[in-house]
Structure formats: C-alpha cells, structure tokens
C-alpha cells in the first residue's frame, strides 16, 4: 500500500475519531492539538487497528505521537 493511500485512510479514521472540528494535517502532532489527549489517542489507535487489520503494542502507542509517525508505523506493519 502506498504512503498516500495509508495517509488517506489515516485521515478518514482521524476524522471519525476526532470529528470535523479537529482539522487533519499531514504534519499534525499530539503537542499541536489539545483534543488529542491520552483517551482520544487510545481510541484513535484502536480505530486504526480495525481499519488496517494490524496490532499495536505499547511501544507503538508511545511512539506514534504525530501523523507522520502513524503513517510510517502502519506502512512498516503492512510491508
């Protein structure tokens, strides 16, 4: 799966979890978005697992703090 395809699907999941009031950006990080708190982070990760058919471990959860990190980690799991 190409990076643009992964990014598009991540954007769709992000919008479902955070809603339309939280704008998606390919450079977005948890530090930039106050709504991306620990509870929403876990909800986002679970939704990504369902979308992509992958599993994240604790290291993934702590390392995936930005959209670029999320896209890269998913790409690696799908490779």
PDB file of N, CA and C in Angstrom:
ATOM      1  N   UNK A   1       0.858  -1.176   0.000  1.00  0.00           N
ATOM      2  CA  UNK A   1       0.000   0.000   0.000  1.00  0.00           C
ATOM      3  C   UNK A   1       0.904   1.239   0.000  1.00  0.00           C
ATOM      4  N   UNK A   2       0.591   2.184  -0.832  1.00  0.00           N
ATOM      5  CA  UNK A   2       1.419   3.379  -0.957  1.00  0.00           C
ATOM      6  C   UNK A   2       1.200   4.331   0.231  1.00  0.00           C
ATOM      7  N   UNK A   3       2.170   5.204   0.449  1.00  0.00           N
ATOM      8  CA  UNK A   3       2.069   6.187   1.531  1.00  0.00           C
ATOM      9  C   UNK A   3       0.846   7.085   1.369  1.00  0.00           C
ATOM     10  N   UNK A   4       0.539   7.579   0.152  1.00  0.00           N
ATOM     11  CA  UNK A   4      -0.678   8.388   0.009  1.00  0.00           C
ATOM     12  C   UNK A   4      -1.957   7.615   0.357  1.00  0.00           C
ATOM     13  N   UNK A   5      -2.000   6.322   0.028  1.00  0.00           N
ATOM     14  CA  UNK A   5      -3.177   5.522   0.374  1.00  0.00           C
ATOM     15  C   UNK A   5      -3.301   5.366   1.889  1.00  0.00           C
ATOM     16  N   UNK A   6      -2.179   5.088   2.554  1.00  0.00           N
ATOM     17  CA  UNK A   6      -2.190   4.964   4.016  1.00  0.00           C
ATOM     18  C   UNK A   6      -2.621   6.284   4.636  1.00  0.00           C
ATOM     19  N   UNK A   7      -2.060   7.385   4.155  1.00  0.00           N
ATOM     20  CA  UNK A   7      -2.381   8.706   4.697  1.00  0.00           C
ATOM     21  C   UNK A   7      -3.865   9.022   4.540  1.00  0.00           C
ATOM     22  N   UNK A   8      -4.433   8.692   3.397  1.00  0.00           N
ATOM     23  CA  UNK A   8      -5.852   8.942   3.155  1.00  0.00           C
ATOM     24  C   UNK A   8      -6.724   8.164   4.138  1.00  0.00           C
ATOM     25  N   UNK A   9      -6.373   6.913   4.377  1.00  0.00           N
ATOM     26  CA  UNK A   9      -7.148   6.105   5.315  1.00  0.00           C
ATOM     27  C   UNK A   9      -6.953   6.579   6.750  1.00  0.00           C
ATOM     28  N   UNK A  10      -5.739   6.998   7.093  1.00  0.00           N
ATOM     29  CA  UNK A  10      -5.480   7.559   8.426  1.00  0.00           C
ATOM     30  C   UNK A  10      -6.311   8.816   8.616  1.00  0.00           C
ATOM     31  N   UNK A  11      -6.385   9.655   7.595  1.00  0.00           N
ATOM     32  CA  UNK A  11      -7.192  10.874   7.677  1.00  0.00           C
ATOM     33  C   UNK A  11      -8.663  10.542   7.929  1.00  0.00           C
ATOM     34  N   UNK A  12      -9.170   9.551   7.234  1.00  0.00           N
ATOM     35  CA  UNK A  12     -10.566   9.156   7.421  1.00  0.00           C
ATOM     36  C   UNK A  12     -10.816   8.693   8.860  1.00  0.00           C
ATOM     37  N   UNK A  13      -9.921   7.872   9.392  1.00  0.00           N
ATOM     38  CA  UNK A  13     -10.061   7.387  10.774  1.00  0.00           C
ATOM     39  C   UNK A  13      -9.925   8.547  11.749  1.00  0.00           C
ATOM     40  N   UNK A  14      -8.960   9.427  11.514  1.00  0.00           N
ATOM     41  CA  UNK A  14      -8.755  10.584  12.379  1.00  0.00           C
ATOM     42  C   UNK A  14     -10.028  11.421  12.464  1.00  0.00           C
ATOM     43  N   UNK A  15     -10.641  11.680  11.323  1.00  0.00           N
ATOM     44  CA  UNK A  15     -11.860  12.489  11.286  1.00  0.00           C
ATOM     45  C   UNK A  15     -13.013  11.789  11.999  1.00  0.00           C
ATOM     46  N   UNK A  16     -13.098  10.477  11.877  1.00  0.00           N
ATOM     47  CA  UNK A  16     -14.141   9.733  12.583  1.00  0.00           C
ATOM     48  C   UNK A  16     -13.949   9.823  14.094  1.00  0.00           C
ATOM     49  N   UNK A  17     -12.709   9.733  14.552  1.00  0.00           N
ATOM     50  CA  UNK A  17     -12.425   9.734  15.990  1.00  0.00           C
ATOM     51  C   UNK A  17     -12.511  11.138  16.575  1.00  0.00           C
ATOM     52  N   UNK A  18     -11.920  12.113  15.908  1.00  0.00           N
ATOM     53  CA  UNK A  18     -11.814  13.455  16.468  1.00  0.00           C
ATOM     54  C   UNK A  18     -12.927  14.398  16.013  1.00  0.00           C
ATOM     55  N   UNK A  19     -13.635  14.029  14.966  1.00  0.00           N
ATOM     56  CA  UNK A  19     -14.709  14.869  14.474  1.00  0.00           C
ATOM     57  C   UNK A  19     -14.208  15.977  13.576  1.00  0.00           C
ATOM     58  N   UNK A  20     -15.128  16.636  12.894  1.00  0.00           N
ATOM     59  CA  UNK A  20     -14.753  17.660  11.915  1.00  0.00           C
ATOM     60  C   UNK A  20     -14.179  18.935  12.530  1.00  0.00           C
ATOM     61  N   UNK A  21     -14.361  19.145  13.833  1.00  0.00           N
ATOM     62  CA  UNK A  21     -13.833  20.363  14.464  1.00  0.00           C
ATOM     63  C   UNK A  21     -12.320  20.306  14.673  1.00  0.00           C
ATOM     64  N   UNK A  22     -11.745  19.123  14.564  1.00  0.00           N
ATOM     65  CA  UNK A  22     -10.305  18.970  14.703  1.00  0.00           C
ATOM     66  C   UNK A  22      -9.729  18.744  13.317  1.00  0.00           C
ATOM     67  N   UNK A  23      -9.111  19.754  12.731  1.00  0.00           N
ATOM     68  CA  UNK A  23      -8.634  19.621  11.357  1.00  0.00           C
ATOM     69  C   UNK A  23      -7.446  18.664  11.246  1.00  0.00           C
ATOM     70  N   UNK A  24      -7.484  17.839  10.221  1.00  0.00           N
ATOM     71  CA  UNK A  24      -6.396  16.905   9.935  1.00  0.00           C
ATOM     72  C   UNK A  24      -5.320  17.626   9.145  1.00  0.00           C
ATOM     73  N   UNK A  25      -4.080  17.347   9.474  1.00  0.00           N
ATOM     74  CA  UNK A  25      -2.943  17.839   8.690  1.00  0.00           C
ATOM     75  C   UNK A  25      -1.884  16.752   8.692  1.00  0.00           C
ATOM     76  N   UNK A  26      -1.201  16.588   7.590  1.00  0.00           N
ATOM     77  CA  UNK A  26      -0.195  15.529   7.496  1.00  0.00           C
ATOM     78  C   UNK A  26       0.987  15.770   8.424  1.00  0.00           C
ATOM     79  N   UNK A  27       1.128  16.965   8.957  1.00  0.00           N
ATOM     80  CA  UNK A  27       2.231  17.276   9.878  1.00  0.00           C
ATOM     81  C   UNK A  27       1.776  17.377  11.334  1.00  0.00           C
ATOM     82  N   UNK A  28       0.521  17.083  11.603  1.00  0.00           N
ATOM     83  CA  UNK A  28      -0.055  17.254  12.936  1.00  0.00           C
ATOM     84  C   UNK A  28       0.606  16.343  13.970  1.00  0.00           C
ATOM     85  N   UNK A  29       0.818  16.882  15.178  1.00  0.00           N
ATOM     86  CA  UNK A  29       1.322  16.071  16.289  1.00  0.00           C
ATOM     87  C   UNK A  29       0.422  16.272  17.500  1.00  0.00           C
ATOM     88  N   UNK A  30       0.564  15.382  18.470  1.00  0.00           N
ATOM     89  CA  UNK A  30      -0.247  15.475  19.692  1.00  0.00           C
ATOM     90  C   UNK A  30       0.007  16.794  20.412  1.00  0.00           C
ATOM     91  N   UNK A  31       1.220  17.302  20.330  1.00  0.00           N
ATOM     92  CA  UNK A  31       1.549  18.558  21.002  1.00  0.00           C
ATOM     93  C   UNK A  31       0.811  19.741  20.387  1.00  0.00           C
ATOM     94  N   UNK A  32       0.443  19.633  19.118  1.00  0.00           N
ATOM     95  CA  UNK A  32      -0.232  20.720  18.407  1.00  0.00           C
ATOM     96  C   UNK A  32      -1.741  20.748  18.627  1.00  0.00           C
ATOM     97  N   UNK A  33      -2.316  19.625  19.053  1.00  0.00           N
ATOM     98  CA  UNK A  33      -3.774  19.512  19.123  1.00  0.00           C
ATOM     99  C   UNK A  33      -4.225  19.119  20.528  1.00  0.00           C
ATOM    100  N   UNK A  34      -4.822  20.048  21.282  1.00  0.00           N
ATOM    101  CA  UNK A  34      -5.244  19.752  22.651  1.00  0.00           C
ATOM    102  C   UNK A  34      -6.301  18.646  22.754  1.00  0.00           C
ATOM    103  N   UNK A  35      -7.079  18.445  21.708  1.00  0.00           N
ATOM    104  CA  UNK A  35      -8.098  17.385  21.752  1.00  0.00           C
ATOM    105  C   UNK A  35      -7.488  15.989  21.628  1.00  0.00           C
ATOM    106  N   UNK A  36      -6.218  15.926  21.187  1.00  0.00           N
ATOM    107  CA  UNK A  36      -5.535  14.644  21.025  1.00  0.00           C
ATOM    108  C   UNK A  36      -4.921  14.261  22.371  1.00  0.00           C
ATOM    109  N   UNK A  37      -5.790  13.975  23.331  1.00  0.00           N
ATOM    110  CA  UNK A  37      -5.351  13.598  24.674  1.00  0.00           C
ATOM    111  C   UNK A  37      -5.147  12.078  24.736  1.00  0.00           C
ATOM    112  N   UNK A  38      -4.804  11.569  25.921  1.00  0.00           N
ATOM    113  CA  UNK A  38      -4.480  10.149  26.039  1.00  0.00           C
ATOM    114  C   UNK A  38      -5.675   9.253  25.722  1.00  0.00           C
ATOM    115  N   UNK A  39      -6.864   9.643  26.131  1.00  0.00           N
ATOM    116  CA  UNK A  39      -8.048   8.835  25.840  1.00  0.00           C
ATOM    117  C   UNK A  39      -8.335   8.800  24.342  1.00  0.00           C
ATOM    118  N   UNK A  40      -8.288   9.946  23.696  1.00  0.00           N
ATOM    119  CA  UNK A  40      -8.515  10.004  22.244  1.00  0.00           C
ATOM    120  C   UNK A  40      -7.405   9.268  21.497  1.00  0.00           C
ATOM    121  N   UNK A  41      -6.183   9.310  22.034  1.00  0.00           N
ATOM    122  CA  UNK A  41      -5.061   8.611  21.404  1.00  0.00           C
ATOM    123  C   UNK A  41      -5.348   7.111  21.362  1.00  0.00           C
ATOM    124  N   UNK A  42      -5.815   6.563  22.472  1.00  0.00           N
ATOM    125  CA  UNK A  42      -6.121   5.135  22.506  1.00  0.00           C
ATOM    126  C   UNK A  42      -7.284   4.797  21.575  1.00  0.00           C
ATOM    127  N   UNK A  43      -8.299   5.640  21.552  1.00  0.00           N
ATOM    128  CA  UNK A  43      -9.422   5.435  20.644  1.00  0.00           C
ATOM    129  C   UNK A  43      -8.950   5.473  19.184  1.00  0.00           C
ATOM    130  N   UNK A  44      -8.064   6.404  18.875  1.00  0.00           N
ATOM    131  CA  UNK A  44      -7.501   6.537  17.537  1.00  0.00           C
ATOM    132  C   UNK A  44      -6.723   5.268  17.161  1.00  0.00           C
ATOM    133  N   UNK A  45      -5.889   4.778  18.075  1.00  0.00           N
ATOM    134  CA  UNK A  45      -5.093   3.589  17.784  1.00  0.00           C
ATOM    135  C   UNK A  45      -5.970   2.355  17.570  1.00  0.00           C
ATOM    136  N   UNK A  46      -6.986   2.181  18.392  1.00  0.00           N
ATOM    137  CA  UNK A  46      -7.887   1.041  18.230  1.00  0.00           C
ATOM    138  C   UNK A  46      -8.619   1.127  16.882  1.00  0.00           C
ATOM    139  N   UNK A  47      -9.042   2.315  16.531  1.00  0.00           N
ATOM    140  CA  UNK A  47      -9.723   2.504  15.240  1.00  0.00           C
ATOM    141  C   UNK A  47      -8.774   2.227  14.078  1.00  0.00           C
ATOM    142  N   UNK A  48      -7.508   2.619  14.220  1.00  0.00           N
ATOM    143  CA  UNK A  48      -6.513   2.338  13.177  1.00  0.00           C
ATOM    144  C   UNK A  48      -6.262   0.836  13.065  1.00  0.00           C
ATOM    145  N   UNK A  49      -6.206   0.150  14.202  1.00  0.00           N
ATOM    146  CA  UNK A  49      -6.036  -1.308  14.165  1.00  0.00           C
ATOM    147  C   UNK A  49      -7.165  -1.960  13.382  1.00  0.00           C
ATOM    148  N   UNK A  50      -8.378  -1.516  13.614  1.00  0.00           N
ATOM    149  CA  UNK A  50      -9.535  -2.071  12.909  1.00  0.00           C
ATOM    150  C   UNK A  50      -9.485  -1.737  11.421  1.00  0.00           C
ATOM    151  N   UNK A  51      -9.132  -0.509  11.104  1.00  0.00           N
ATOM    152  CA  UNK A  51      -9.088  -0.068   9.700  1.00  0.00           C
ATOM    153  C   UNK A  51      -8.051  -0.837   8.891  1.00  0.00           C
ATOM    154  N   UNK A  52      -6.867  -1.041   9.479  1.00  0.00           N
ATOM    155  CA  UNK A  52      -5.753  -1.615   8.731  1.00  0.00           C
ATOM    156  C   UNK A  52      -5.512  -3.097   9.022  1.00  0.00           C
ATOM    157  N   UNK A  53      -6.216  -3.666  10.015  1.00  0.00           N
ATOM    158  CA  UNK A  53      -6.004  -5.066  10.344  1.00  0.00           C
ATOM    159  C   UNK A  53      -4.637  -5.336  10.928  1.00  0.00           C
ATOM    160  N   UNK A  54      -4.137  -4.398  11.729  1.00  0.00           N
ATOM    161  CA  UNK A  54      -2.832  -4.535  12.380  1.00  0.00           C
ATOM    162  C   UNK A  54      -3.017  -4.451  13.890  1.00  0.00           C
ATOM    163  N   UNK A  55      -1.967  -4.766  14.642  1.00  0.00           N
ATOM    164  CA  UNK A  55      -1.991  -4.637  16.099  1.00  0.00           C
ATOM    165  C   UNK A  55      -0.815  -3.767  16.521  1.00  0.00           C
ATOM    166  N   UNK A  56      -1.070  -2.879  17.457  1.00  0.00           N
ATOM    167  CA  UNK A  56      -0.025  -2.025  18.001  1.00  0.00           C
ATOM    168  C   UNK A  56       0.308  -2.492  19.410  1.00  0.00           C
ATOM    169  N   UNK A  57       1.587  -2.428  19.765  1.00  0.00           N
ATOM    170  CA  UNK A  57       1.979  -2.761  21.128  1.00  0.00           C
ATOM    171  C   UNK A  57       2.220  -1.471  21.911  1.00  0.00           C
ATOM    172  N   UNK A  58       2.657  -1.599  23.148  1.00  0.00           N
ATOM    173  CA  UNK A  58       2.866  -0.429  23.991  1.00  0.00           C
ATOM    174  C   UNK A  58       3.882   0.543  23.422  1.00  0.00           C
ATOM    175  N   UNK A  59       4.941   0.013  22.819  1.00  0.00           N
ATOM    176  CA  UNK A  59       5.960   0.887  22.215  1.00  0.00           C
ATOM    177  C   UNK A  59       5.367   1.683  21.061  1.00  0.00           C
ATOM    178  N   UNK A  60       4.526   1.023  20.270  1.00  0.00           N
ATOM    179  CA  UNK A  60       3.855   1.731  19.180  1.00  0.00           C
ATOM    180  C   UNK A  60       3.024   2.886  19.732  1.00  0.00           C
ATOM    181  N   UNK A  61       2.264   2.595  20.777  1.00  0.00           N
ATOM    182  CA  UNK A  61       1.363   3.606  21.347  1.00  0.00           C
ATOM    183  C   UNK A  61       2.122   4.828  21.829  1.00  0.00           C
ATOM    184  N   UNK A  62       3.277   4.623  22.438  1.00  0.00           N
ATOM    185  CA  UNK A  62       4.030   5.770  22.948  1.00  0.00           C
ATOM    186  C   UNK A  62       4.818   6.484  21.849  1.00  0.00           C
ATOM    187  N   UNK A  63       5.186   5.764  20.803  1.00  0.00           N
ATOM    188  CA  UNK A  63       5.974   6.365  19.722  1.00  0.00           C
ATOM    189  C   UNK A  63       5.140   7.093  18.677  1.00  0.00           C
ATOM    190  N   UNK A  64       3.877   6.732  18.551  1.00  0.00           N
ATOM    191  CA  UNK A  64       3.033   7.286  17.492  1.00  0.00           C
ATOM    192  C   UNK A  64       2.384   8.585  17.970  1.00  0.00           C
ATOM    193  N   UNK A  65       3.177   9.647  18.006  1.00  0.00           N
ATOM    194  CA  UNK A  65       2.717  10.919  18.562  1.00  0.00           C
ATOM    195  C   UNK A  65       2.455  11.979  17.497  1.00  0.00           C
ATOM    196  N   UNK A  66       2.529  11.593  16.247  1.00  0.00           N
ATOM    197  CA  UNK A  66       2.240  12.532  15.160  1.00  0.00           C
ATOM    198  C   UNK A  66       1.705  11.743  13.970  1.00  0.00           C
ATOM    199  N   UNK A  67       1.074  12.446  13.063  1.00  0.00           N
ATOM    200  CA  UNK A  67       0.548  11.789  11.861  1.00  0.00           C
ATOM    201  C   UNK A  67       1.685  11.160  11.047  1.00  0.00           C
ATOM    202  N   UNK A  68       2.832  11.835  10.855  1.00  0.00           N
ATOM    203  CA  UNK A  68       3.919  11.159  10.137  1.00  0.00           C
ATOM    204  C   UNK A  68       4.366   9.866  10.819  1.00  0.00           C
ATOM    205  N   UNK A  69       4.416   9.859  12.162  1.00  0.00           N
ATOM    206  CA  UNK A  69       4.774   8.638  12.893  1.00  0.00           C
ATOM    207  C   UNK A  69       3.741   7.542  12.660  1.00  0.00           C
ATOM    208  N   UNK A  70       2.471   7.909  12.695  1.00  0.00           N
ATOM    209  CA  UNK A  70       1.381   6.951  12.498  1.00  0.00           C
ATOM    210  C   UNK A  70       1.471   6.331  11.103  1.00  0.00           C
ATOM    211  N   UNK A  71       1.620   7.170  10.091  1.00  0.00           N
ATOM    212  CA  UNK A  71       1.683   6.686   8.706  1.00  0.00           C
ATOM    213  C   UNK A  71       2.898   5.773   8.515  1.00  0.00           C
ATOM    214  N   UNK A  72       4.032   6.172   9.063  1.00  0.00           N
ATOM    215  CA  UNK A  72       5.248   5.361   8.926  1.00  0.00           C
ATOM    216  C   UNK A  72       5.086   4.008   9.615  1.00  0.00           C
ATOM    217  N   UNK A  73       4.557   4.010  10.834  1.00  0.00           N
ATOM    218  CA  UNK A  73       4.408   2.766  11.593  1.00  0.00           C
ATOM    219  C   UNK A  73       3.444   1.814  10.893  1.00  0.00           C
ATOM    220  N   UNK A  74       2.343   2.346  10.392  1.00  0.00           N
ATOM    221  CA  UNK A  74       1.383   1.499   9.677  1.00  0.00           C
ATOM    222  C   UNK A  74       2.019   0.955   8.410  1.00  0.00           C
ATOM    223  N   UNK A  75       2.716   1.814   7.675  1.00  0.00           N
ATOM    224  CA  UNK A  75       3.396   1.363   6.451  1.00  0.00           C
ATOM    225  C   UNK A  75       4.358   0.234   6.734  1.00  0.00           C
ATOM    226  N   UNK A  76       5.112   0.327   7.843  1.00  0.00           N
ATOM    227  CA  UNK A  76       6.050  -0.732   8.209  1.00  0.00           C
ATOM    228  C   UNK A  76       5.321  -2.029   8.557  1.00  0.00           C
ATOM    229  N   UNK A  77       4.184  -1.917   9.222  1.00  0.00           N
ATOM    230  CA  UNK A  77       3.428  -3.115   9.606  1.00  0.00           C
ATOM    231  C   UNK A  77       2.796  -3.786   8.391  1.00  0.00           C
ATOM    232  N   UNK A  78       2.476  -3.013   7.374  1.00  0.00           N
ATOM    233  CA  UNK A  78       1.843  -3.570   6.181  1.00  0.00           C
ATOM    234  C   UNK A  78       2.854  -4.088   5.173  1.00  0.00           C
ATOM    235  N   UNK A  79       4.127  -3.751   5.357  1.00  0.00           N
ATOM    236  CA  UNK A  79       5.170  -4.149   4.405  1.00  0.00           C
ATOM    237  C   UNK A  79       5.502  -5.623   4.503  1.00  0.00           C
TER     238      UNK A  79
END
